[in-house]
PDB file of N, CA and C in Angstrom:
ATOM      1  N   MET A   1       4.377   9.803  10.813  1.00  0.00           N
ATOM      2  CA  MET A   1       4.209   9.154  12.398  1.00  0.00           C
ATOM      3  C   MET A   1       4.804   7.474  11.952  1.00  0.00           C
ATOM      4  N   ASN A   2       5.367   7.453  12.903  1.00  0.00           N
ATOM      5  CA  ASN A   2       6.363   6.001  12.730  1.00  0.00           C
ATOM      6  C   ASN A   2       5.413   4.869  13.155  1.00  0.00           C
ATOM      7  N   ASN A   3       5.694   3.695  13.393  1.00  0.00           N
ATOM      8  CA  ASN A   3       4.932   2.588  14.026  1.00  0.00           C
ATOM      9  C   ASN A   3       4.628   2.563  15.159  1.00  0.00           C
ATOM     10  N   LYS A   4       5.611   3.203  16.052  1.00  0.00           N
ATOM     11  CA  LYS A   4       5.160   2.933  17.418  1.00  0.00           C
ATOM     12  C   LYS A   4       4.113   4.041  17.673  1.00  0.00           C
ATOM     13  N   ASP A   5       4.092   5.365  17.094  1.00  0.00           N
ATOM     14  CA  ASP A   5       3.035   6.219  17.259  1.00  0.00           C
ATOM     15  C   ASP A   5       1.857   5.994  16.736  1.00  0.00           C
ATOM     16  N   TYR A   6       1.897   5.199  15.556  1.00  0.00           N
ATOM     17  CA  TYR A   6       0.683   4.677  14.898  1.00  0.00           C
ATOM     18  C   TYR A   6      -0.083   3.629  15.815  1.00  0.00           C
ATOM     19  N   ILE A   7       0.843   2.838  16.344  1.00  0.00           N
ATOM     20  CA  ILE A   7      -0.004   1.603  17.124  1.00  0.00           C
ATOM     21  C   ILE A   7      -0.290   2.582  18.671  1.00  0.00           C
ATOM     22  N   SER A   8       0.126   3.414  19.082  1.00  0.00           N
ATOM     23  CA  SER A   8      -0.417   3.709  20.250  1.00  0.00           C
ATOM     24  C   SER A   8      -1.269   4.757  20.234  1.00  0.00           C
ATOM     25  N   GLU A   9      -1.721   5.485  18.914  1.00  0.00           N
ATOM     26  CA  GLU A   9      -2.745   5.963  18.451  1.00  0.00           C
ATOM     27  C   GLU A   9      -3.706   5.043  18.528  1.00  0.00           C
ATOM     28  N   LEU A  10      -3.624   4.001  17.821  1.00  0.00           N
ATOM     29  CA  LEU A  10      -4.556   3.126  17.333  1.00  0.00           C
ATOM     30  C   LEU A  10      -5.324   2.404  18.493  1.00  0.00           C
ATOM     31  N   ALA A  11      -4.239   2.251  19.831  1.00  0.00           N
ATOM     32  CA  ALA A  11      -4.632   1.777  21.025  1.00  0.00           C
ATOM     33  C   ALA A  11      -5.303   2.701  21.674  1.00  0.00           C
ATOM     34  N   ASN A  12      -4.901   3.812  21.683  1.00  0.00           N
ATOM     35  CA  ASN A  12      -5.768   4.481  22.400  1.00  0.00           C
ATOM     36  C   ASN A  12      -7.480   4.629  22.104  1.00  0.00           C
ATOM     37  N   ARG A  13      -7.292   4.565  20.568  1.00  0.00           N
ATOM     38  CA  ARG A  13      -8.667   4.919  20.130  1.00  0.00           C
ATOM     39  C   ARG A  13      -9.597   3.594  20.269  1.00  0.00           C
ATOM     40  N   THR A  14      -9.083   2.456  20.396  1.00  0.00           N
ATOM     41  CA  THR A  14      -9.832   1.022  20.331  1.00  0.00           C
ATOM     42  C   THR A  14     -10.079   0.779  21.739  1.00  0.00           C
ATOM     43  N   GLY A  15      -9.139   1.223  22.654  1.00  0.00           N
ATOM     44  CA  GLY A  15      -9.088   0.663  24.074  1.00  0.00           C
ATOM     45  C   GLY A  15      -8.525  -0.363  24.249  1.00  0.00           C
ATOM     46  N   ARG A  16      -7.576  -0.664  23.637  1.00  0.00           N
ATOM     47  CA  ARG A  16      -7.024  -2.293  23.838  1.00  0.00           C
ATOM     48  C   ARG A  16      -5.387  -1.482  24.007  1.00  0.00           C
ATOM     49  N   SER A  17      -4.785  -2.787  24.704  1.00  0.00           N
ATOM     50  CA  SER A  17      -3.378  -2.735  24.966  1.00  0.00           C
ATOM     51  C   SER A  17      -2.443  -2.310  23.498  1.00  0.00           C
ATOM     52  N   GLN A  18      -1.377  -1.953  23.770  1.00  0.00           N
ATOM     53  CA  GLN A  18      -0.444  -1.807  22.613  1.00  0.00           C
ATOM     54  C   GLN A  18      -0.211  -3.239  21.899  1.00  0.00           C
ATOM     55  N   GLU A  19       0.496  -3.877  23.075  1.00  0.00           N
ATOM     56  CA  GLU A  19       0.728  -5.341  22.546  1.00  0.00           C
ATOM     57  C   GLU A  19      -0.542  -5.916  21.834  1.00  0.00           C
ATOM     58  N   ASP A  20      -1.811  -6.063  22.318  1.00  0.00           N
ATOM     59  CA  ASP A  20      -2.949  -6.344  21.442  1.00  0.00           C
ATOM     60  C   ASP A  20      -2.818  -5.753  19.988  1.00  0.00           C
ATOM     61  N   THR A  21      -2.929  -4.884  19.973  1.00  0.00           N
ATOM     62  CA  THR A  21      -3.038  -3.571  18.863  1.00  0.00           C
ATOM     63  C   THR A  21      -1.887  -4.270  17.740  1.00  0.00           C
ATOM     64  N   GLN A  22      -0.752  -3.979  18.279  1.00  0.00           N
ATOM     65  CA  GLN A  22       0.504  -4.321  17.170  1.00  0.00           C
ATOM     66  C   GLN A  22       0.242  -5.840  16.678  1.00  0.00           C
ATOM     67  N   ARG A  23      -0.082  -6.992  17.688  1.00  0.00           N
ATOM     68  CA  ARG A  23      -0.766  -8.004  17.271  1.00  0.00           C
ATOM     69  C   ARG A  23      -1.847  -8.154  16.134  1.00  0.00           C
ATOM     70  N   MET A  24      -3.015  -7.633  16.203  1.00  0.00           N
ATOM     71  CA  MET A  24      -3.594  -7.395  15.380  1.00  0.00           C
ATOM     72  C   MET A  24      -3.364  -6.616  14.141  1.00  0.00           C
ATOM     73  N   VAL A  25      -2.356  -5.345  14.116  1.00  0.00           N
ATOM     74  CA  VAL A  25      -1.848  -4.977  13.039  1.00  0.00           C
ATOM     75  C   VAL A  25      -0.801  -5.783  12.214  1.00  0.00           C
ATOM     76  N   ASN A  26      -0.127  -6.659  12.998  1.00  0.00           N
ATOM     77  CA  ASN A  26       0.589  -7.793  12.017  1.00  0.00           C
ATOM     78  C   ASN A  26      -0.183  -8.531  11.488  1.00  0.00           C
ATOM     79  N   THR A  27      -1.234  -9.236  11.950  1.00  0.00           N
ATOM     80  CA  THR A  27      -2.296 -10.311  11.332  1.00  0.00           C
ATOM     81  C   THR A  27      -2.802  -9.465  10.180  1.00  0.00           C
ATOM     82  N   VAL A  28      -3.439  -8.212  10.255  1.00  0.00           N
ATOM     83  CA  VAL A  28      -3.734  -7.809   9.014  1.00  0.00           C
ATOM     84  C   VAL A  28      -2.926  -7.567   8.107  1.00  0.00           C
ATOM     85  N   ILE A  29      -1.548  -7.161   8.307  1.00  0.00           N
ATOM     86  CA  ILE A  29      -0.521  -7.175   7.036  1.00  0.00           C
ATOM     87  C   ILE A  29       0.002  -8.463   6.669  1.00  0.00           C
ATOM     88  N   GLU A  30      -0.179  -9.471   7.401  1.00  0.00           N
ATOM     89  CA  GLU A  30       0.325 -10.860   6.964  1.00  0.00           C
ATOM     90  C   GLU A  30      -0.705 -11.398   6.183  1.00  0.00           C
ATOM     91  N   ALA A  31      -2.020 -11.178   6.510  1.00  0.00           N
ATOM     92  CA  ALA A  31      -3.280 -11.685   5.698  1.00  0.00           C
ATOM     93  C   ALA A  31      -3.169 -10.815   4.554  1.00  0.00           C
ATOM     94  N   MET A  32      -3.053  -9.892   4.300  1.00  0.00           N
ATOM     95  CA  MET A  32      -2.844  -8.831   3.080  1.00  0.00           C
ATOM     96  C   MET A  32      -1.809  -9.664   2.284  1.00  0.00           C
ATOM     97  N   GLY A  33      -0.745  -9.622   3.015  1.00  0.00           N
ATOM     98  CA  GLY A  33       0.635 -10.012   2.161  1.00  0.00           C
ATOM     99  C   GLY A  33       0.268 -11.542   1.453  1.00  0.00           C
ATOM    100  N   ASP A  34      -0.603 -12.301   2.192  1.00  0.00           N
ATOM    101  CA  ASP A  34      -1.031 -13.717   1.545  1.00  0.00           C
ATOM    102  C   ASP A  34      -1.787 -13.269   0.295  1.00  0.00           C
ATOM    103  N   HIS A  35      -2.753 -12.206   0.627  1.00  0.00           N
ATOM    104  CA  HIS A  35      -3.702 -12.436  -0.908  1.00  0.00           C
ATOM    105  C   HIS A  35      -2.821 -11.663  -1.879  1.00  0.00           C
ATOM    106  N   PHE A  36      -1.429 -11.058  -1.368  1.00  0.00           N
ATOM    107  CA  PHE A  36      -0.918 -10.396  -2.610  1.00  0.00           C
ATOM    108  C   PHE A  36      -0.663 -11.332  -3.381  1.00  0.00           C
ATOM    109  N   GLN A  37       0.229 -12.434  -2.598  1.00  0.00           N
ATOM    110  CA  GLN A  37       0.953 -13.527  -3.132  1.00  0.00           C
ATOM    111  C   GLN A  37       0.189 -14.422  -4.356  1.00  0.00           C
ATOM    112  N   GLU A  38      -1.145 -14.349  -3.992  1.00  0.00           N
ATOM    113  CA  GLU A  38      -2.045 -14.917  -4.649  1.00  0.00           C
ATOM    114  C   GLU A  38      -2.731 -13.812  -5.859  1.00  0.00           C
ATOM    115  N   ASP A  39      -2.283 -12.832  -6.612  1.00  0.00           N
ATOM    116  CA  ASP A  39      -2.804 -11.914  -7.269  1.00  0.00           C
ATOM    117  C   ASP A  39      -4.154 -11.350  -6.879  1.00  0.00           C
ATOM    118  N   ASP A  40      -4.243 -11.511  -5.792  1.00  0.00           N
ATOM    119  CA  ASP A  40      -5.642 -10.862  -5.339  1.00  0.00           C
ATOM    120  C   ASP A  40      -5.809  -9.500  -4.796  1.00  0.00           C
ATOM    121  N   SER A  41      -6.913  -8.519  -5.538  1.00  0.00           N
ATOM    122  CA  SER A  41      -6.978  -7.240  -4.750  1.00  0.00           C
ATOM    123  C   SER A  41      -7.729  -7.337  -3.602  1.00  0.00           C
ATOM    124  N   ILE A  42      -7.214  -6.069  -2.780  1.00  0.00           N
ATOM    125  CA  ILE A  42      -8.112  -6.292  -1.098  1.00  0.00           C
ATOM    126  C   ILE A  42      -8.503  -4.536  -1.387  1.00  0.00           C
ATOM    127  N   LEU A  43      -9.856  -4.721  -1.247  1.00  0.00           N
ATOM    128  CA  LEU A  43     -10.640  -3.765  -1.365  1.00  0.00           C
ATOM    129  C   LEU A  43     -10.900  -3.253   0.224  1.00  0.00           C
ATOM    130  N   VAL A  44     -10.737  -1.740   0.478  1.00  0.00           N
ATOM    131  CA  VAL A  44     -10.819  -1.707   2.094  1.00  0.00           C
ATOM    132  C   VAL A  44     -11.861  -0.428   1.966  1.00  0.00           C
ATOM    133  N   PRO A  45     -13.154  -0.781   2.221  1.00  0.00           N
ATOM    134  CA  PRO A  45     -14.267   0.453   2.656  1.00  0.00           C
ATOM    135  C   PRO A  45     -13.976   1.589   2.517  1.00  0.00           C
ATOM    136  N   ASN A  46     -14.132   2.602   2.065  1.00  0.00           N
ATOM    137  CA  ASN A  46     -13.933   3.989   2.546  1.00  0.00           C
ATOM    138  C   ASN A  46     -12.340   4.014   2.676  1.00  0.00           C
ATOM    139  N   PHE A  47     -11.730   3.688   2.237  1.00  0.00           N
ATOM    140  CA  PHE A  47     -10.389   3.965   2.096  1.00  0.00           C
ATOM    141  C   PHE A  47      -9.983   3.682   0.333  1.00  0.00           C
ATOM    142  N   GLY A  48      -9.609   2.578   0.116  1.00  0.00           N
ATOM    143  CA  GLY A  48      -9.143   2.464  -1.169  1.00  0.00           C
ATOM    144  C   GLY A  48      -8.868   0.887  -1.388  1.00  0.00           C
ATOM    145  N   THR A  49      -8.147   0.820  -2.637  1.00  0.00           N
ATOM    146  CA  THR A  49      -8.161  -0.497  -3.378  1.00  0.00           C
ATOM    147  C   THR A  49      -6.828  -0.679  -3.192  1.00  0.00           C
ATOM    148  N   PHE A  50      -5.905  -1.870  -2.819  1.00  0.00           N
ATOM    149  CA  PHE A  50      -4.582  -2.559  -3.101  1.00  0.00           C
ATOM    150  C   PHE A  50      -4.694  -3.744  -4.106  1.00  0.00           C
ATOM    151  N   GLU A  51      -3.875  -3.519  -4.987  1.00  0.00           N
ATOM    152  CA  GLU A  51      -3.732  -4.648  -6.248  1.00  0.00           C
ATOM    153  C   GLU A  51      -2.690  -4.703  -6.648  1.00  0.00           C
ATOM    154  N   VAL A  52      -2.242  -6.022  -6.932  1.00  0.00           N
ATOM    155  CA  VAL A  52      -1.299  -6.243  -7.522  1.00  0.00           C
ATOM    156  C   VAL A  52      -1.166  -6.190  -9.285  1.00  0.00           C
ATOM    157  N   LYS A  53      -0.487  -5.689  -9.862  1.00  0.00           N
ATOM    158  CA  LYS A  53      -0.594  -5.205 -11.467  1.00  0.00           C
ATOM    159  C   LYS A  53       0.865  -5.651 -11.992  1.00  0.00           C
ATOM    160  N   LYS A  54       1.003  -6.271 -13.176  1.00  0.00           N
ATOM    161  CA  LYS A  54       2.026  -6.834 -13.815  1.00  0.00           C
ATOM    162  C   LYS A  54       2.614  -5.559 -14.741  1.00  0.00           C
ATOM    163  N   LYS A  55       3.506  -5.264 -14.560  1.00  0.00           N
ATOM    164  CA  LYS A  55       4.482  -4.238 -15.552  1.00  0.00           C
ATOM    165  C   LYS A  55       4.880  -5.352 -16.751  1.00  0.00           C
ATOM    166  N   LEU A  56       4.693  -4.674 -17.812  1.00  0.00           N
ATOM    167  CA  LEU A  56       5.255  -5.780 -18.894  1.00  0.00           C
ATOM    168  C   LEU A  56       6.457  -5.445 -19.482  1.00  0.00           C
ATOM    169  N   GLU A  57       7.362  -6.082 -19.981  1.00  0.00           N
ATOM    170  CA  GLU A  57       8.360  -6.088 -20.176  1.00  0.00           C
ATOM    171  C   GLU A  57       8.825  -5.150 -21.128  1.00  0.00           C
ATOM    172  N   ARG A  58       9.867  -4.351 -21.414  1.00  0.00           N
ATOM    173  CA  ARG A  58      10.295  -3.053 -21.814  1.00  0.00           C
ATOM    174  C   ARG A  58      11.483  -2.785 -21.932  1.00  0.00           C
ATOM    175  N   ILE A  59      11.835  -2.154 -23.255  1.00  0.00           N
ATOM    176  CA  ILE A  59      13.141  -1.592 -23.445  1.00  0.00           C
ATOM    177  C   ILE A  59      13.663  -0.523 -22.931  1.00  0.00           C
ATOM    178  N   MET A  60      14.514  -0.415 -22.311  1.00  0.00           N
ATOM    179  CA  MET A  60      15.029   0.970 -21.860  1.00  0.00           C
ATOM    180  C   MET A  60      16.419   1.091 -22.627  1.00  0.00           C
ATOM    181  N   VAL A  61      16.951   2.634 -22.964  1.00  0.00           N
ATOM    182  CA  VAL A  61      18.097   3.152 -23.553  1.00  0.00           C
ATOM    183  C   VAL A  61      18.673   3.805 -22.047  1.00  0.00           C
ATOM    184  N   ASN A  62      20.099   3.285 -21.905  1.00  0.00           N
ATOM    185  CA  ASN A  62      20.884   4.240 -21.087  1.00  0.00           C
ATOM    186  C   ASN A  62      21.198   5.560 -21.881  1.00  0.00           C
ATOM    187  N   PRO A  63      20.915   6.756 -21.079  1.00  0.00           N
ATOM    188  CA  PRO A  63      20.681   8.054 -21.623  1.00  0.00           C
ATOM    189  C   PRO A  63      22.374   8.504 -22.109  1.00  0.00           C
ATOM    190  N   SER A  64      23.448   7.809 -21.129  1.00  0.00           N
ATOM    191  CA  SER A  64      24.774   8.343 -21.271  1.00  0.00           C
ATOM    192  C   SER A  64      25.337   7.349 -22.154  1.00  0.00           C
ATOM    193  N   THR A  65      25.055   6.125 -22.142  1.00  0.00           N
ATOM    194  CA  THR A  65      25.954   5.247 -23.234  1.00  0.00           C
ATOM    195  C   THR A  65      24.942   4.864 -24.424  1.00  0.00           C
ATOM    196  N   GLY A  66      23.863   5.116 -24.598  1.00  0.00           N
ATOM    197  CA  GLY A  66      22.850   4.697 -25.528  1.00  0.00           C
ATOM    198  C   GLY A  66      22.684   3.443 -25.988  1.00  0.00           C
ATOM    199  N   GLN A  67      23.051   2.700 -24.612  1.00  0.00           N
ATOM    200  CA  GLN A  67      22.806   1.134 -24.748  1.00  0.00           C
ATOM    201  C   GLN A  67      21.710   0.863 -24.510  1.00  0.00           C
ATOM    202  N   ARG A  68      21.105  -0.044 -25.133  1.00  0.00           N
ATOM    203  CA  ARG A  68      19.578  -0.602 -24.889  1.00  0.00           C
ATOM    204  C   ARG A  68      19.481  -1.753 -24.161  1.00  0.00           C
ATOM    205  N   MET A  69      18.554  -1.798 -23.137  1.00  0.00           N
ATOM    206  CA  MET A  69      18.809  -2.920 -22.024  1.00  0.00           C
ATOM    207  C   MET A  69      17.329  -3.632 -22.378  1.00  0.00           C
ATOM    208  N   LEU A  70      16.752  -4.599 -22.309  1.00  0.00           N
ATOM    209  CA  LEU A  70      15.765  -5.188 -22.086  1.00  0.00           C
ATOM    210  C   LEU A  70      15.337  -5.516 -20.056  1.00  0.00           C
ATOM    211  N   ILE A  71      14.422  -4.782 -20.091  1.00  0.00           N
ATOM    212  CA  ILE A  71      13.731  -4.851 -18.693  1.00  0.00           C
ATOM    213  C   ILE A  71      12.751  -6.063 -18.618  1.00  0.00           C
ATOM    214  N   PRO A  72      12.827  -6.774 -17.765  1.00  0.00           N
ATOM    215  CA  PRO A  72      11.843  -7.999 -17.773  1.00  0.00           C
ATOM    216  C   PRO A  72      10.652  -7.577 -16.900  1.00  0.00           C
ATOM    217  N   PRO A  73       9.303  -8.180 -17.311  1.00  0.00           N
ATOM    218  CA  PRO A  73       7.953  -8.043 -16.359  1.00  0.00           C
ATOM    219  C   PRO A  73       8.587  -8.370 -15.130  1.00  0.00           C
ATOM    220  N   LYS A  74       7.673  -7.725 -14.291  1.00  0.00           N
ATOM    221  CA  LYS A  74       7.768  -7.719 -12.590  1.00  0.00           C
ATOM    222  C   LYS A  74       6.176  -7.564 -12.262  1.00  0.00           C
ATOM    223  N   LEU A  75       5.834  -7.707 -10.844  1.00  0.00           N
ATOM    224  CA  LEU A  75       4.827  -7.185 -10.308  1.00  0.00           C
ATOM    225  C   LEU A  75       5.047  -6.238  -9.583  1.00  0.00           C
ATOM    226  N   VAL A  76       4.257  -5.514  -9.495  1.00  0.00           N
ATOM    227  CA  VAL A  76       4.290  -4.041  -8.240  1.00  0.00           C
ATOM    228  C   VAL A  76       2.854  -4.187  -7.782  1.00  0.00           C
ATOM    229  N   LEU A  77       2.909  -3.577  -6.537  1.00  0.00           N
ATOM    230  CA  LEU A  77       1.800  -3.592  -5.590  1.00  0.00           C
ATOM    231  C   LEU A  77       1.412  -1.834  -5.817  1.00  0.00           C
ATOM    232  N   ASN A  78       0.073  -1.795  -6.064  1.00  0.00           N
ATOM    233  CA  ASN A  78      -0.536  -0.680  -6.649  1.00  0.00           C
ATOM    234  C   ASN A  78      -1.549  -0.208  -5.550  1.00  0.00           C
ATOM    235  N   PHE A  79      -1.611   1.167  -5.216  1.00  0.00           N
ATOM    236  CA  PHE A  79      -2.996   1.536  -4.318  1.00  0.00           C
ATOM    237  C   PHE A  79      -3.718   2.496  -4.663  1.00  0.00           C
ATOM    238  N   LYS A  80      -5.191   2.345  -5.008  1.00  0.00           N
ATOM    239  CA  LYS A  80      -6.072   3.442  -5.690  1.00  0.00           C
ATOM    240  C   LYS A  80      -6.902   3.976  -4.419  1.00  0.00           C
ATOM    241  N   PRO A  81      -6.375   5.089  -4.319  1.00  0.00           N
ATOM    242  CA  PRO A  81      -7.624   5.677  -3.003  1.00  0.00           C
ATOM    243  C   PRO A  81      -8.993   6.144  -3.651  1.00  0.00           C
ATOM    244  N   ASN A  82      -9.947   5.815  -2.323  1.00  0.00           N
ATOM    245  CA  ASN A  82     -10.981   6.279  -2.443  1.00  0.00           C
ATOM    246  C   ASN A  82     -11.246   7.646  -2.727  1.00  0.00           C
ATOM    247  N   SER A  83     -12.211   8.015  -3.994  1.00  0.00           N
ATOM    248  CA  SER A  83     -12.258   9.394  -4.408  1.00  0.00           C
ATOM    249  C   SER A  83     -12.671  10.194  -3.384  1.00  0.00           C
ATOM    250  N   GLY A  84     -13.195  10.066  -2.237  1.00  0.00           N
ATOM    251  CA  GLY A  84     -13.286  10.742  -0.997  1.00  0.00           C
ATOM    252  C   GLY A  84     -11.957  11.177  -0.373  1.00  0.00           C
ATOM    253  N   TRP A  85     -11.299  10.500  -0.137  1.00  0.00           N
ATOM    254  CA  TRP A  85      -9.668  10.443   0.483  1.00  0.00           C
ATOM    255  C   TRP A  85      -8.948  11.635  -0.777  1.00  0.00           C
ATOM    256  N   LYS A  86      -9.069  11.175  -1.876  1.00  0.00           N
ATOM    257  CA  LYS A  86      -8.158  12.014  -2.764  1.00  0.00           C
ATOM    258  C   LYS A  86      -8.564  13.535  -2.929  1.00  0.00           C
ATOM    259  N   GLU A  87     -10.081  13.837  -2.678  1.00  0.00           N
ATOM    260  CA  GLU A  87     -10.474  15.223  -2.621  1.00  0.00           C
ATOM    261  C   GLU A  87     -10.079  15.879  -0.921  1.00  0.00           C
ATOM    262  N   ARG A  88      -9.894  15.042   0.061  1.00  0.00           N
ATOM    263  CA  ARG A  88      -9.570  15.298   1.177  1.00  0.00           C
ATOM    264  C   ARG A  88      -7.960  15.945   1.164  1.00  0.00           C
ATOM    265  N   VAL A  89      -7.352  15.044   0.334  1.00  0.00           N
ATOM    266  CA  VAL A  89      -5.978  15.499   0.686  1.00  0.00           C
ATOM    267  C   VAL A  89      -5.492  16.509  -0.239  1.00  0.00           C
ATOM    268  N   LYS A  90      -6.173  16.655  -1.947  1.00  0.00           N
ATOM    269  CA  LYS A  90      -6.471  18.104  -2.375  1.00  0.00           C
ATOM    270  C   LYS A  90      -6.549  19.351  -1.728  1.00  0.00           C
ATOM    271  N   SER A  91      -7.533  18.976  -0.727  1.00  0.00           N
ATOM    272  CA  SER A  91      -8.073  20.450   0.049  1.00  0.00           C
ATOM    273  C   SER A  91      -7.400  20.550   1.021  1.00  0.00           C
ATOM    274  N   GLY A  92      -6.250  19.737   1.220  1.00  0.00           N
ATOM    275  CA  GLY A  92      -5.448  20.107   2.569  1.00  0.00           C
ATOM    276  C   GLY A  92      -6.171  19.495   3.990  1.00  0.00           C
ATOM    277  N   GLY A  93      -7.069  18.582   3.809  1.00  0.00           N
ATOM    278  CA  GLY A  93      -7.703  17.987   4.952  1.00  0.00           C
ATOM    279  C   GLY A  93      -8.663  18.556   5.526  1.00  0.00           C
ATOM    280  N   THR A  94      -9.317  19.696   4.763  1.00  0.00           N
ATOM    281  CA  THR A  94     -10.093  20.395   5.288  1.00  0.00           C
ATOM    282  C   THR A  94     -11.441  19.955   4.312  1.00  0.00           C
ATOM    283  N   GLU A  95     -12.467  20.012   4.660  1.00  0.00           N
ATOM    284  CA  GLU A  95     -13.509  19.458   4.007  1.00  0.00           C
ATOM    285  C   GLU A  95     -14.743  20.717   3.769  1.00  0.00           C
TER     286      GLU A  95
END
């Protein structure tokens, strides 16, 4: 499902226009991004948790040359789904 299809489906379910729905989705995404910049995690009830994690500095070896390289630490966005969603996906969507 692409963005246009998602916005259309969401607009139909909420009874709002596609333009209003697009603005709402953009606002939610911007607000989430602002919290991620502050290293906050976001819990979406009955869905899962988005959190920023720090990957530590590590040494990597290039397998073809054997050269060792230092990989600097970085922040990554992680999503941990609700256990109910994990089970639904594992069972193929049937409950």
